[in-house]
Amino acid sequence: MNFKFNKKPTIMKTINRLSAGTARTLMTLAFVHFLAALTQVYSQETKSVFGADAEIGFVWGIELKTSSIQHEPATQYGMFAGALFNHAVMVGAVGAANVTHPRVNYGYTGLMVQYTCKPANLVHMSVQVTLGSGSAKDYENEKSSMLDNFGNVTGAKFYFAEPGINGEINLGAKTRLVLGVGYRYVHGIDINSEHVARTHLTDSDLSGFNITAGVKFGLY
């Protein structure tokens, strides 16, 4: 009797099983390697602008700014508040409104970034820049008192940028007297707006140098 053994299918099945097993093993090893690499990445120290050991506090203040609008003294009252990093860099919000100009009411809000050099010294300097938007509005009647129509500034819109430099005196560990000077650049006032039809207020009228006096308080 002639017996014929067809071993080819058996061999092919074996090879296929070995190939599948090898593929699964390689995929498993690759996945484990990927997880190890991913874990290593996330285990590294997170980098940041101020460093992992940065001290973060809070600072706020009040200020008066005096300038000139259409040859009339203009004083505004303002407040600011923000986060303080390493006792030197403040990022916060600021808002202000007119308290003295007799014919033009104005106000604004914005973002302030300030850097203080050697804040532990009794007398030191700080520099800042404020970016924001506001509006101006003519009074129907001349301002009769400091708080007359205070905050009623909805009118002709404008945008501004205001860099400044300050001298600061430490009155206490967390209180500073601030005296400074800045220059405000204003853009966007529509001179044909009905809100400034009486004074014909322009960008250049609201632009210019100003002198600041204020007090700054820290919580850190």
N, C-alpha and C. Protein backbone atom coordinates (compact mmCIF):
# COMPACT_ATOMS: atom_id res chain seq x y z
N MET A 1 0.85 -1.19 0.00
CA MET A 1 0.00 0.00 0.00
C MET A 1 0.89 1.25 0.00
N ASN A 2 0.48 2.21 -0.77
CA ASN A 2 1.23 3.46 -0.83
C ASN A 2 0.54 4.51 0.04
N PHE A 3 1.29 4.99 1.04
CA PHE A 3 0.74 6.04 1.91
C PHE A 3 1.38 7.36 1.52
N LYS A 4 0.55 8.35 1.28
CA LYS A 4 1.04 9.69 0.93
C LYS A 4 0.69 10.65 2.06
N PHE A 5 1.70 11.28 2.56
CA PHE A 5 1.50 12.24 3.67
C PHE A 5 1.66 13.67 3.12
N ASN A 6 0.65 14.41 3.27
CA ASN A 6 0.69 15.81 2.82
C ASN A 6 1.01 16.69 4.04
N LYS A 7 2.26 16.97 4.24
CA LYS A 7 2.68 17.72 5.42
C LYS A 7 2.67 19.24 5.20
N LYS A 8 2.45 19.65 3.98
CA LYS A 8 2.53 21.09 3.69
C LYS A 8 1.52 21.93 4.46
N PRO A 9 0.24 21.52 4.53
CA PRO A 9 -0.71 22.33 5.30
C PRO A 9 -0.33 22.43 6.76
N THR A 10 0.15 21.33 7.34
CA THR A 10 0.53 21.34 8.75
C THR A 10 1.69 22.31 8.97
N ILE A 11 2.67 22.26 8.08
CA ILE A 11 3.83 23.16 8.21
C ILE A 11 3.39 24.62 8.07
N MET A 12 2.53 24.90 7.13
CA MET A 12 2.06 26.28 6.92
C MET A 12 1.30 26.80 8.12
N LYS A 13 0.47 25.91 8.71
CA LYS A 13 -0.28 26.33 9.90
C LYS A 13 0.67 26.67 11.03
N THR A 14 1.71 25.85 11.17
CA THR A 14 2.69 26.09 12.22
C THR A 14 3.39 27.42 12.01
N ILE A 15 3.79 27.64 10.77
CA ILE A 15 4.47 28.90 10.45
C ILE A 15 3.55 30.09 10.71
N ASN A 16 2.28 29.97 10.33
CA ASN A 16 1.32 31.06 10.55
C ASN A 16 1.14 31.35 12.03
N ARG A 17 1.07 30.22 12.84
CA ARG A 17 0.90 30.42 14.28
C ARG A 17 2.11 31.12 14.87
N LEU A 18 3.31 30.66 14.42
CA LEU A 18 4.53 31.29 14.92
C LEU A 18 4.60 32.76 14.53
N SER A 19 4.20 33.08 13.29
CA SER A 19 4.22 34.47 12.81
C SER A 19 3.25 35.33 13.61
N ALA A 20 2.05 34.80 13.85
CA ALA A 20 1.06 35.55 14.61
C ALA A 20 1.54 35.78 16.03
N GLY A 21 2.15 34.72 16.62
CA GLY A 21 2.67 34.87 17.98
C GLY A 21 3.79 35.89 18.04
N THR A 22 4.67 35.85 17.05
CA THR A 22 5.76 36.82 17.00
C THR A 22 5.24 38.24 16.85
N ALA A 23 4.25 38.40 15.99
CA ALA A 23 3.67 39.74 15.78
C ALA A 23 3.05 40.26 17.06
N ARG A 24 2.32 39.38 17.79
CA ARG A 24 1.70 39.81 19.04
C ARG A 24 2.76 40.19 20.06
N THR A 25 3.83 39.40 20.09
CA THR A 25 4.90 39.69 21.03
C THR A 25 5.56 41.04 20.72
N LEU A 26 5.83 41.29 19.43
CA LEU A 26 6.44 42.56 19.03
C LEU A 26 5.53 43.74 19.33
N MET A 27 4.22 43.57 19.08
CA MET A 27 3.27 44.64 19.37
C MET A 27 3.20 44.91 20.87
N THR A 28 3.24 43.85 21.66
CA THR A 28 3.20 44.02 23.12
C THR A 28 4.44 44.76 23.61
N LEU A 29 5.62 44.36 23.10
CA LEU A 29 6.86 45.02 23.48
C LEU A 29 6.86 46.50 23.06
N ALA A 30 6.35 46.77 21.86
CA ALA A 30 6.27 48.15 21.38
C ALA A 30 5.35 48.98 22.25
N PHE A 31 4.22 48.41 22.66
CA PHE A 31 3.26 49.12 23.50
C PHE A 31 3.86 49.42 24.87
N VAL A 32 4.57 48.40 25.44
CA VAL A 32 5.23 48.60 26.73
C VAL A 32 6.28 49.70 26.63
N HIS A 33 7.05 49.69 25.54
CA HIS A 33 8.06 50.71 25.33
C HIS A 33 7.44 52.09 25.20
N PHE A 34 6.31 52.18 24.51
CA PHE A 34 5.60 53.45 24.36
C PHE A 34 5.13 53.97 25.71
N LEU A 35 4.56 53.09 26.53
CA LEU A 35 4.09 53.50 27.86
C LEU A 35 5.25 53.98 28.72
N ALA A 36 6.38 53.29 28.63
CA ALA A 36 7.55 53.69 29.41
C ALA A 36 8.04 55.07 29.00
N ALA A 37 8.07 55.32 27.69
CA ALA A 37 8.50 56.63 27.19
C ALA A 37 7.53 57.72 27.61
N LEU A 38 6.23 57.42 27.53
CA LEU A 38 5.22 58.39 27.91
C LEU A 38 5.32 58.73 29.39
N THR A 39 5.54 57.72 30.21
CA THR A 39 5.67 57.93 31.65
C THR A 39 6.89 58.79 31.96
N GLN A 40 7.97 58.56 31.22
CA GLN A 40 9.18 59.34 31.43
C GLN A 40 8.97 60.80 31.09
N VAL A 41 8.22 61.06 30.02
CA VAL A 41 7.94 62.44 29.62
C VAL A 41 7.15 63.16 30.69
N TYR A 42 6.09 62.53 31.20
CA TYR A 42 5.23 63.18 32.18
C TYR A 42 5.87 63.24 33.56
N SER A 43 6.88 62.41 33.80
CA SER A 43 7.55 62.43 35.10
C SER A 43 8.58 63.54 35.18
N GLN A 44 8.93 64.15 34.03
CA GLN A 44 9.89 65.24 34.03
C GLN A 44 9.27 66.48 34.64
N GLU A 45 10.10 67.34 35.22
CA GLU A 45 9.62 68.56 35.85
C GLU A 45 8.99 69.49 34.82
N THR A 46 7.80 69.98 35.12
CA THR A 46 7.11 70.91 34.23
C THR A 46 7.83 72.25 34.21
N LYS A 47 8.11 72.75 33.02
CA LYS A 47 8.78 74.03 32.88
C LYS A 47 7.74 75.15 32.85
N SER A 48 8.09 76.30 33.42
CA SER A 48 7.18 77.44 33.41
C SER A 48 8.00 78.72 33.39
N VAL A 49 7.32 79.83 33.11
CA VAL A 49 8.00 81.11 33.00
C VAL A 49 8.66 81.51 34.31
N PHE A 50 7.94 81.31 35.44
CA PHE A 50 8.44 81.75 36.74
C PHE A 50 9.09 80.65 37.55
N GLY A 51 9.09 79.40 37.04
CA GLY A 51 9.72 78.31 37.76
C GLY A 51 8.74 77.63 38.71
N ALA A 52 9.08 76.40 39.09
CA ALA A 52 8.18 75.61 39.93
C ALA A 52 8.07 76.17 41.34
N ASP A 53 9.09 76.92 41.81
CA ASP A 53 9.08 77.45 43.16
C ASP A 53 8.68 78.93 43.21
N ALA A 54 7.97 79.41 42.19
CA ALA A 54 7.56 80.81 42.14
C ALA A 54 6.60 81.14 43.27
N GLU A 55 6.77 82.33 43.85
CA GLU A 55 5.86 82.83 44.88
C GLU A 55 4.78 83.66 44.20
N ILE A 56 3.53 83.34 44.49
CA ILE A 56 2.41 84.04 43.86
C ILE A 56 1.58 84.71 44.95
N GLY A 57 1.35 86.00 44.77
CA GLY A 57 0.55 86.76 45.72
C GLY A 57 -0.52 87.56 45.00
N PHE A 58 -1.02 88.57 45.69
CA PHE A 58 -2.08 89.43 45.14
C PHE A 58 -1.76 90.86 45.51
N VAL A 59 -1.98 91.77 44.57
CA VAL A 59 -1.72 93.18 44.83
C VAL A 59 -2.86 94.01 44.27
N TRP A 60 -3.20 95.09 44.96
CA TRP A 60 -4.23 96.00 44.46
C TRP A 60 -3.87 97.42 44.90
N GLY A 61 -4.48 98.39 44.25
CA GLY A 61 -4.15 99.76 44.60
C GLY A 61 -5.15 100.76 44.07
N ILE A 62 -5.03 101.98 44.55
CA ILE A 62 -5.84 103.10 44.10
C ILE A 62 -4.89 104.19 43.61
N GLU A 63 -5.34 104.98 42.64
CA GLU A 63 -4.47 106.00 42.08
C GLU A 63 -5.27 107.16 41.51
N LEU A 64 -4.62 108.32 41.47
CA LEU A 64 -5.14 109.50 40.80
C LEU A 64 -4.18 109.87 39.68
N LYS A 65 -4.72 110.11 38.49
CA LYS A 65 -3.91 110.54 37.35
C LYS A 65 -4.37 111.92 36.92
N THR A 66 -3.42 112.82 36.77
CA THR A 66 -3.72 114.18 36.35
C THR A 66 -3.11 114.44 34.98
N SER A 67 -3.91 114.98 34.08
CA SER A 67 -3.45 115.31 32.73
C SER A 67 -4.17 116.57 32.28
N SER A 68 -4.17 116.82 30.98
CA SER A 68 -4.85 117.99 30.43
C SER A 68 -5.67 117.57 29.22
N ILE A 69 -6.91 118.00 29.16
CA ILE A 69 -7.78 117.74 28.01
C ILE A 69 -8.33 119.08 27.53
N GLN A 70 -7.99 119.43 26.29
CA GLN A 70 -8.41 120.70 25.70
C GLN A 70 -8.08 121.87 26.63
N HIS A 71 -6.85 121.85 27.14
CA HIS A 71 -6.30 122.92 27.97
C HIS A 71 -7.01 123.07 29.31
N GLU A 72 -7.70 122.05 29.74
CA GLU A 72 -8.35 122.03 31.05
C GLU A 72 -7.76 120.89 31.87
N PRO A 73 -7.49 121.11 33.17
CA PRO A 73 -7.00 120.02 34.02
C PRO A 73 -8.01 118.88 34.06
N ALA A 74 -7.50 117.66 33.98
CA ALA A 74 -8.37 116.49 34.01
C ALA A 74 -7.75 115.47 34.96
N THR A 75 -8.47 115.15 36.01
CA THR A 75 -8.00 114.16 36.98
C THR A 75 -8.94 112.97 36.97
N GLN A 76 -8.38 111.79 36.98
CA GLN A 76 -9.20 110.58 37.00
C GLN A 76 -8.85 109.74 38.22
N TYR A 77 -9.84 109.04 38.72
CA TYR A 77 -9.66 108.11 39.83
C TYR A 77 -9.65 106.70 39.28
N GLY A 78 -8.70 105.88 39.72
CA GLY A 78 -8.60 104.53 39.19
C GLY A 78 -8.26 103.51 40.25
N MET A 79 -8.52 102.27 39.92
CA MET A 79 -8.17 101.14 40.78
C MET A 79 -7.58 100.03 39.91
N PHE A 80 -6.70 99.24 40.52
CA PHE A 80 -6.13 98.09 39.80
C PHE A 80 -5.96 96.94 40.78
N ALA A 81 -5.93 95.73 40.24
CA ALA A 81 -5.74 94.53 41.06
C ALA A 81 -5.24 93.42 40.16
N GLY A 82 -4.38 92.56 40.72
CA GLY A 82 -3.87 91.47 39.90
C GLY A 82 -2.99 90.52 40.68
N ALA A 83 -2.51 89.50 39.99
CA ALA A 83 -1.61 88.50 40.56
C ALA A 83 -0.18 89.04 40.55
N LEU A 84 0.56 88.72 41.62
CA LEU A 84 1.94 89.17 41.76
C LEU A 84 2.86 87.96 41.83
N PHE A 85 3.83 87.89 40.93
CA PHE A 85 4.73 86.75 40.85
C PHE A 85 6.11 87.16 41.36
N ASN A 86 6.60 86.40 42.36
CA ASN A 86 7.93 86.64 42.92
C ASN A 86 8.14 88.08 43.38
N HIS A 87 7.08 88.71 43.88
CA HIS A 87 7.13 90.08 44.41
C HIS A 87 7.57 91.10 43.37
N ALA A 88 7.58 90.73 42.08
CA ALA A 88 8.14 91.62 41.08
C ALA A 88 7.25 91.85 39.87
N VAL A 89 6.58 90.82 39.37
CA VAL A 89 5.79 90.94 38.14
C VAL A 89 4.30 90.87 38.48
N MET A 90 3.58 91.91 38.13
CA MET A 90 2.14 91.95 38.35
C MET A 90 1.41 91.91 37.02
N VAL A 91 0.38 91.08 36.93
CA VAL A 91 -0.50 91.04 35.77
C VAL A 91 -1.92 91.19 36.29
N GLY A 92 -2.61 92.25 35.88
CA GLY A 92 -3.94 92.48 36.45
C GLY A 92 -4.81 93.38 35.61
N ALA A 93 -5.92 93.76 36.19
CA ALA A 93 -6.92 94.61 35.52
C ALA A 93 -6.93 95.99 36.15
N VAL A 94 -7.28 96.99 35.35
CA VAL A 94 -7.34 98.36 35.83
C VAL A 94 -8.59 99.03 35.28
N GLY A 95 -9.15 99.94 36.05
CA GLY A 95 -10.31 100.72 35.61
C GLY A 95 -10.21 102.13 36.16
N ALA A 96 -10.69 103.11 35.40
CA ALA A 96 -10.58 104.51 35.84
C ALA A 96 -11.70 105.33 35.21
N ALA A 97 -12.00 106.46 35.85
CA ALA A 97 -13.02 107.37 35.33
C ALA A 97 -12.70 108.80 35.76
N ASN A 98 -13.18 109.76 34.98
CA ASN A 98 -12.95 111.18 35.23
C ASN A 98 -13.63 111.65 36.51
N VAL A 99 -12.92 112.56 37.25
CA VAL A 99 -13.55 113.16 38.43
C VAL A 99 -13.52 114.69 38.42
N THR A 100 -12.78 115.31 37.48
CA THR A 100 -12.67 116.78 37.55
C THR A 100 -12.99 117.52 36.27
N HIS A 101 -12.75 116.94 35.09
CA HIS A 101 -12.91 117.75 33.87
C HIS A 101 -14.35 118.23 33.75
N PRO A 102 -14.56 119.52 33.51
CA PRO A 102 -15.90 120.08 33.57
C PRO A 102 -16.80 119.75 32.39
N ARG A 103 -16.23 119.41 31.22
CA ARG A 103 -17.05 119.25 30.02
C ARG A 103 -17.03 117.84 29.43
N VAL A 104 -15.94 117.10 29.66
CA VAL A 104 -15.79 115.77 29.06
C VAL A 104 -15.73 114.71 30.16
N ASN A 105 -16.62 113.75 30.08
CA ASN A 105 -16.56 112.61 30.98
C ASN A 105 -15.95 111.44 30.21
N TYR A 106 -15.07 110.69 30.84
CA TYR A 106 -14.40 109.59 30.16
C TYR A 106 -14.03 108.51 31.19
N GLY A 107 -13.83 107.33 30.70
CA GLY A 107 -13.42 106.22 31.55
C GLY A 107 -12.91 105.08 30.71
N TYR A 108 -12.22 104.14 31.35
CA TYR A 108 -11.68 103.00 30.60
C TYR A 108 -11.43 101.82 31.52
N THR A 109 -11.25 100.67 30.91
CA THR A 109 -10.79 99.46 31.59
C THR A 109 -9.68 98.86 30.74
N GLY A 110 -8.80 98.08 31.36
CA GLY A 110 -7.70 97.52 30.59
C GLY A 110 -6.91 96.49 31.35
N LEU A 111 -5.87 96.01 30.71
CA LEU A 111 -4.93 95.03 31.27
C LEU A 111 -3.62 95.74 31.58
N MET A 112 -3.13 95.56 32.81
CA MET A 112 -1.87 96.18 33.22
C MET A 112 -0.83 95.11 33.51
N VAL A 113 0.38 95.30 32.98
CA VAL A 113 1.53 94.46 33.30
C VAL A 113 2.61 95.37 33.88
N GLN A 114 3.08 95.02 35.07
CA GLN A 114 4.04 95.89 35.77
C GLN A 114 5.22 95.06 36.29
N TYR A 115 6.41 95.62 36.18
CA TYR A 115 7.61 94.98 36.72
C TYR A 115 8.25 95.92 37.75
N THR A 116 8.51 95.40 38.95
CA THR A 116 9.13 96.18 40.02
C THR A 116 10.55 95.71 40.23
N CYS A 117 11.47 96.65 40.20
CA CYS A 117 12.90 96.34 40.37
C CYS A 117 13.29 96.50 41.83
N LYS A 118 13.86 95.45 42.42
CA LYS A 118 14.33 95.45 43.81
C LYS A 118 13.26 95.94 44.77
N PRO A 119 12.12 95.25 44.84
CA PRO A 119 11.01 95.71 45.67
C PRO A 119 11.31 95.74 47.16
N ALA A 120 12.35 95.05 47.62
CA ALA A 120 12.68 95.05 49.05
C ALA A 120 13.38 96.33 49.48
N ASN A 121 13.92 97.09 48.52
CA ASN A 121 14.57 98.35 48.86
C ASN A 121 13.55 99.39 49.32
N LEU A 122 13.97 100.28 50.21
CA LEU A 122 13.06 101.31 50.70
C LEU A 122 12.50 102.14 49.55
N VAL A 123 13.36 102.57 48.66
CA VAL A 123 12.97 103.32 47.47
C VAL A 123 13.38 102.52 46.24
N HIS A 124 12.45 102.30 45.34
CA HIS A 124 12.75 101.50 44.15
C HIS A 124 11.89 101.97 42.98
N MET A 125 12.09 101.35 41.84
CA MET A 125 11.41 101.76 40.62
C MET A 125 10.52 100.63 40.09
N SER A 126 9.52 101.01 39.31
CA SER A 126 8.70 100.03 38.59
C SER A 126 8.34 100.61 37.23
N VAL A 127 8.17 99.72 36.26
CA VAL A 127 7.74 100.12 34.92
C VAL A 127 6.50 99.32 34.58
N GLN A 128 5.64 99.88 33.74
CA GLN A 128 4.38 99.21 33.43
C GLN A 128 3.87 99.62 32.06
N VAL A 129 2.95 98.82 31.56
CA VAL A 129 2.23 99.17 30.34
C VAL A 129 0.79 98.73 30.53
N THR A 130 -0.14 99.58 30.10
CA THR A 130 -1.57 99.30 30.20
C THR A 130 -2.18 99.37 28.82
N LEU A 131 -2.96 98.36 28.46
CA LEU A 131 -3.68 98.32 27.19
C LEU A 131 -5.15 98.14 27.48
N GLY A 132 -6.01 98.89 26.77
CA GLY A 132 -7.44 98.74 27.04
C GLY A 132 -8.30 99.56 26.11
N SER A 133 -9.54 99.72 26.52
CA SER A 133 -10.52 100.49 25.74
C SER A 133 -11.39 101.29 26.70
N GLY A 134 -12.01 102.32 26.16
CA GLY A 134 -12.87 103.16 26.98
C GLY A 134 -13.83 103.94 26.12
N SER A 135 -14.46 104.93 26.72
CA SER A 135 -15.38 105.79 25.98
C SER A 135 -15.44 107.16 26.64
N ALA A 136 -15.89 108.14 25.88
CA ALA A 136 -15.97 109.52 26.35
C ALA A 136 -17.33 110.10 25.98
N LYS A 137 -17.77 111.05 26.78
CA LYS A 137 -19.10 111.62 26.58
C LYS A 137 -19.12 113.05 27.09
N ASP A 138 -19.69 113.94 26.29
CA ASP A 138 -19.84 115.32 26.73
C ASP A 138 -20.89 115.43 27.83
N TYR A 139 -20.65 116.36 28.77
CA TYR A 139 -21.69 116.69 29.74
C TYR A 139 -22.73 117.60 29.10
N GLU A 140 -23.98 117.35 29.43
CA GLU A 140 -25.02 118.27 28.97
C GLU A 140 -24.87 119.61 29.67
N ASN A 141 -24.50 119.56 30.94
CA ASN A 141 -24.20 120.76 31.72
C ASN A 141 -22.82 120.55 32.35
N GLU A 142 -22.12 121.63 32.63
CA GLU A 142 -20.79 121.49 33.21
C GLU A 142 -20.86 120.76 34.54
N LYS A 143 -19.82 119.99 34.82
CA LYS A 143 -19.74 119.19 36.03
C LYS A 143 -19.84 120.11 37.25
N SER A 144 -20.72 119.76 38.18
CA SER A 144 -20.96 120.62 39.33
C SER A 144 -20.21 120.16 40.58
N SER A 145 -19.84 118.89 40.64
CA SER A 145 -19.09 118.37 41.79
C SER A 145 -18.21 117.21 41.32
N MET A 146 -17.30 116.77 42.20
CA MET A 146 -16.33 115.75 41.80
C MET A 146 -17.00 114.46 41.35
N LEU A 147 -18.07 114.05 42.00
CA LEU A 147 -18.74 112.79 41.68
C LEU A 147 -20.00 112.99 40.85
N ASP A 148 -20.18 114.18 40.31
CA ASP A 148 -21.33 114.44 39.44
C ASP A 148 -21.22 113.58 38.17
N ASN A 149 -22.24 112.72 37.96
CA ASN A 149 -22.26 111.81 36.80
C ASN A 149 -21.03 110.91 36.72
N PHE A 150 -20.42 110.62 37.84
CA PHE A 150 -19.25 109.75 37.87
C PHE A 150 -19.63 108.37 37.33
N GLY A 151 -18.89 107.90 36.36
CA GLY A 151 -19.16 106.59 35.77
C GLY A 151 -20.09 106.62 34.58
N ASN A 152 -20.76 107.75 34.33
CA ASN A 152 -21.65 107.85 33.18
C ASN A 152 -20.81 108.25 31.96
N VAL A 153 -20.11 107.25 31.41
CA VAL A 153 -19.14 107.53 30.36
C VAL A 153 -19.46 106.85 29.04
N THR A 154 -20.61 106.21 28.94
CA THR A 154 -20.94 105.49 27.71
C THR A 154 -21.11 106.48 26.56
N GLY A 155 -20.20 106.42 25.59
CA GLY A 155 -20.24 107.39 24.50
C GLY A 155 -19.33 106.97 23.36
N ALA A 156 -18.47 107.89 22.92
CA ALA A 156 -17.56 107.64 21.81
C ALA A 156 -16.46 106.68 22.25
N LYS A 157 -16.32 105.56 21.55
CA LYS A 157 -15.36 104.53 21.93
C LYS A 157 -13.94 104.91 21.53
N PHE A 158 -12.99 104.39 22.29
CA PHE A 158 -11.58 104.55 21.92
C PHE A 158 -10.77 103.40 22.48
N TYR A 159 -9.55 103.23 21.94
CA TYR A 159 -8.58 102.25 22.43
C TYR A 159 -7.33 103.02 22.86
N PHE A 160 -6.58 102.45 23.79
CA PHE A 160 -5.41 103.18 24.27
C PHE A 160 -4.28 102.23 24.68
N ALA A 161 -3.08 102.77 24.67
CA ALA A 161 -1.89 102.11 25.21
C ALA A 161 -1.17 103.14 26.06
N GLU A 162 -0.74 102.74 27.25
CA GLU A 162 -0.14 103.71 28.17
C GLU A 162 1.07 103.10 28.90
N PRO A 163 2.28 103.37 28.43
CA PRO A 163 3.46 102.98 29.19
C PRO A 163 3.73 104.00 30.30
N GLY A 164 4.39 103.54 31.36
CA GLY A 164 4.68 104.45 32.46
C GLY A 164 5.84 103.96 33.30
N ILE A 165 6.40 104.88 34.09
CA ILE A 165 7.48 104.56 35.02
C ILE A 165 7.16 105.20 36.36
N ASN A 166 7.43 104.46 37.45
CA ASN A 166 7.06 104.92 38.78
C ASN A 166 8.24 104.86 39.74
N GLY A 167 8.22 105.74 40.73
CA GLY A 167 9.06 105.61 41.90
C GLY A 167 8.19 105.14 43.06
N GLU A 168 8.67 104.16 43.83
CA GLU A 168 7.88 103.59 44.91
C GLU A 168 8.64 103.69 46.23
N ILE A 169 7.90 103.95 47.31
CA ILE A 169 8.46 104.01 48.66
C ILE A 169 7.72 103.02 49.53
N ASN A 170 8.43 102.13 50.19
CA ASN A 170 7.81 101.15 51.08
C ASN A 170 7.39 101.84 52.38
N LEU A 171 6.08 102.01 52.55
CA LEU A 171 5.56 102.56 53.79
C LEU A 171 5.48 101.50 54.87
N GLY A 172 5.35 100.24 54.44
CA GLY A 172 5.31 99.08 55.34
C GLY A 172 5.71 97.87 54.54
N ALA A 173 5.62 96.70 55.17
CA ALA A 173 6.03 95.48 54.48
C ALA A 173 5.16 95.19 53.27
N LYS A 174 3.89 95.65 53.30
CA LYS A 174 2.96 95.33 52.22
C LYS A 174 2.23 96.56 51.70
N THR A 175 2.78 97.75 51.96
CA THR A 175 2.14 98.99 51.52
C THR A 175 3.18 99.90 50.89
N ARG A 176 2.85 100.44 49.71
CA ARG A 176 3.79 101.29 48.99
C ARG A 176 3.12 102.56 48.50
N LEU A 177 3.83 103.67 48.62
CA LEU A 177 3.42 104.93 48.02
C LEU A 177 4.00 104.97 46.62
N VAL A 178 3.18 105.33 45.63
CA VAL A 178 3.60 105.29 44.23
C VAL A 178 3.45 106.68 43.61
N LEU A 179 4.52 107.16 42.97
CA LEU A 179 4.50 108.41 42.21
C LEU A 179 5.09 108.11 40.84
N GLY A 180 4.37 108.51 39.77
CA GLY A 180 4.85 108.13 38.45
C GLY A 180 4.43 109.07 37.35
N VAL A 181 4.94 108.77 36.17
CA VAL A 181 4.59 109.54 34.98
C VAL A 181 4.37 108.56 33.84
N GLY A 182 3.43 108.87 32.96
CA GLY A 182 3.13 108.00 31.83
C GLY A 182 2.69 108.81 30.63
N TYR A 183 2.53 108.12 29.54
CA TYR A 183 2.03 108.76 28.32
C TYR A 183 0.96 107.87 27.72
N ARG A 184 -0.21 108.43 27.49
CA ARG A 184 -1.34 107.67 26.95
C ARG A 184 -1.51 107.96 25.46
N TYR A 185 -1.54 106.88 24.67
CA TYR A 185 -1.82 106.97 23.24
C TYR A 185 -3.27 106.53 23.03
N VAL A 186 -4.10 107.39 22.48
CA VAL A 186 -5.52 107.09 22.27
C VAL A 186 -5.82 107.06 20.77
N HIS A 187 -6.64 106.09 20.38
CA HIS A 187 -7.01 105.96 18.96
C HIS A 187 -8.45 105.47 18.85
N GLY A 188 -9.15 105.99 17.85
CA GLY A 188 -10.47 105.44 17.53
C GLY A 188 -11.67 106.32 17.81
N ILE A 189 -11.47 107.50 18.39
CA ILE A 189 -12.62 108.36 18.67
C ILE A 189 -13.22 108.89 17.36
N ASP A 190 -14.52 108.72 17.21
CA ASP A 190 -15.24 109.24 16.05
C ASP A 190 -15.62 110.69 16.34
N ILE A 191 -14.96 111.62 15.66
CA ILE A 191 -15.21 113.04 15.95
C ILE A 191 -16.61 113.45 15.52
N ASN A 192 -17.28 112.61 14.73
CA ASN A 192 -18.64 112.93 14.31
C ASN A 192 -19.70 112.29 15.21
N SER A 193 -19.24 111.64 16.27
CA SER A 193 -20.18 111.00 17.19
C SER A 193 -21.03 112.04 17.90
N GLU A 194 -22.30 111.74 18.07
CA GLU A 194 -23.20 112.66 18.76
C GLU A 194 -22.80 112.83 20.23
N HIS A 195 -22.04 111.87 20.77
CA HIS A 195 -21.65 111.93 22.18
C HIS A 195 -20.60 112.98 22.45
N VAL A 196 -19.88 113.45 21.42
CA VAL A 196 -18.86 114.48 21.61
C VAL A 196 -19.12 115.67 20.68
N ALA A 197 -20.38 115.89 20.35
CA ALA A 197 -20.74 116.96 19.41
C ALA A 197 -20.47 118.34 19.98
N ARG A 198 -20.50 118.48 21.29
CA ARG A 198 -20.28 119.80 21.90
C ARG A 198 -18.80 120.16 21.97
N THR A 199 -17.98 119.19 22.37
CA THR A 199 -16.56 119.47 22.56
C THR A 199 -15.71 119.11 21.35
N HIS A 200 -16.27 118.30 20.42
CA HIS A 200 -15.51 117.83 19.26
C HIS A 200 -14.20 117.16 19.71
N LEU A 201 -14.32 116.30 20.68
CA LEU A 201 -13.17 115.60 21.26
C LEU A 201 -12.47 114.75 20.21
N THR A 202 -11.15 114.74 20.24
CA THR A 202 -10.34 113.96 19.28
C THR A 202 -9.40 113.03 20.04
N ASP A 203 -8.74 112.15 19.27
CA ASP A 203 -7.74 111.25 19.87
C ASP A 203 -6.63 112.05 20.56
N SER A 204 -6.17 113.09 19.92
CA SER A 204 -5.06 113.88 20.48
C SER A 204 -5.46 114.59 21.77
N ASP A 205 -6.76 114.90 21.92
CA ASP A 205 -7.22 115.55 23.15
C ASP A 205 -7.06 114.63 24.36
N LEU A 206 -7.30 113.34 24.17
CA LEU A 206 -7.18 112.39 25.28
C LEU A 206 -5.76 111.81 25.39
N SER A 207 -4.94 112.01 24.37
CA SER A 207 -3.56 111.52 24.42
C SER A 207 -2.68 112.54 25.14
N GLY A 208 -1.60 112.04 25.73
CA GLY A 208 -0.65 112.96 26.36
C GLY A 208 -0.08 112.42 27.65
N PHE A 209 0.81 113.22 28.26
CA PHE A 209 1.45 112.84 29.51
C PHE A 209 0.48 112.96 30.68
N ASN A 210 0.72 112.14 31.68
CA ASN A 210 -0.04 112.23 32.91
C ASN A 210 0.86 111.94 34.10
N ILE A 211 0.47 112.47 35.25
CA ILE A 211 1.21 112.26 36.50
C ILE A 211 0.34 111.43 37.43
N THR A 212 0.94 110.43 38.06
CA THR A 212 0.19 109.49 38.89
C THR A 212 0.64 109.57 40.34
N ALA A 213 -0.31 109.50 41.25
CA ALA A 213 -0.04 109.35 42.68
C ALA A 213 -0.99 108.29 43.21
N GLY A 214 -0.46 107.34 43.95
CA GLY A 214 -1.32 106.27 44.43
C GLY A 214 -0.71 105.49 45.57
N VAL A 215 -1.46 104.51 46.04
CA VAL A 215 -1.02 103.61 47.09
C VAL A 215 -1.27 102.19 46.63
N LYS A 216 -0.28 101.31 46.86
CA LYS A 216 -0.38 99.91 46.44
C LYS A 216 -0.29 99.01 47.66
N PHE A 217 -1.17 98.00 47.70
CA PHE A 217 -1.23 97.08 48.83
C PHE A 217 -0.98 95.66 48.34
N GLY A 218 -0.24 94.88 49.12
CA GLY A 218 0.07 93.51 48.74
C GLY A 218 -0.50 92.51 49.72
N LEU A 219 -0.88 91.36 49.19
CA LEU A 219 -1.32 90.22 50.00
C LEU A 219 -0.47 89.03 49.57
N TYR A 220 0.58 88.76 50.34
CA TYR A 220 1.50 87.67 49.99
C TYR A 220 2.25 87.22 51.23
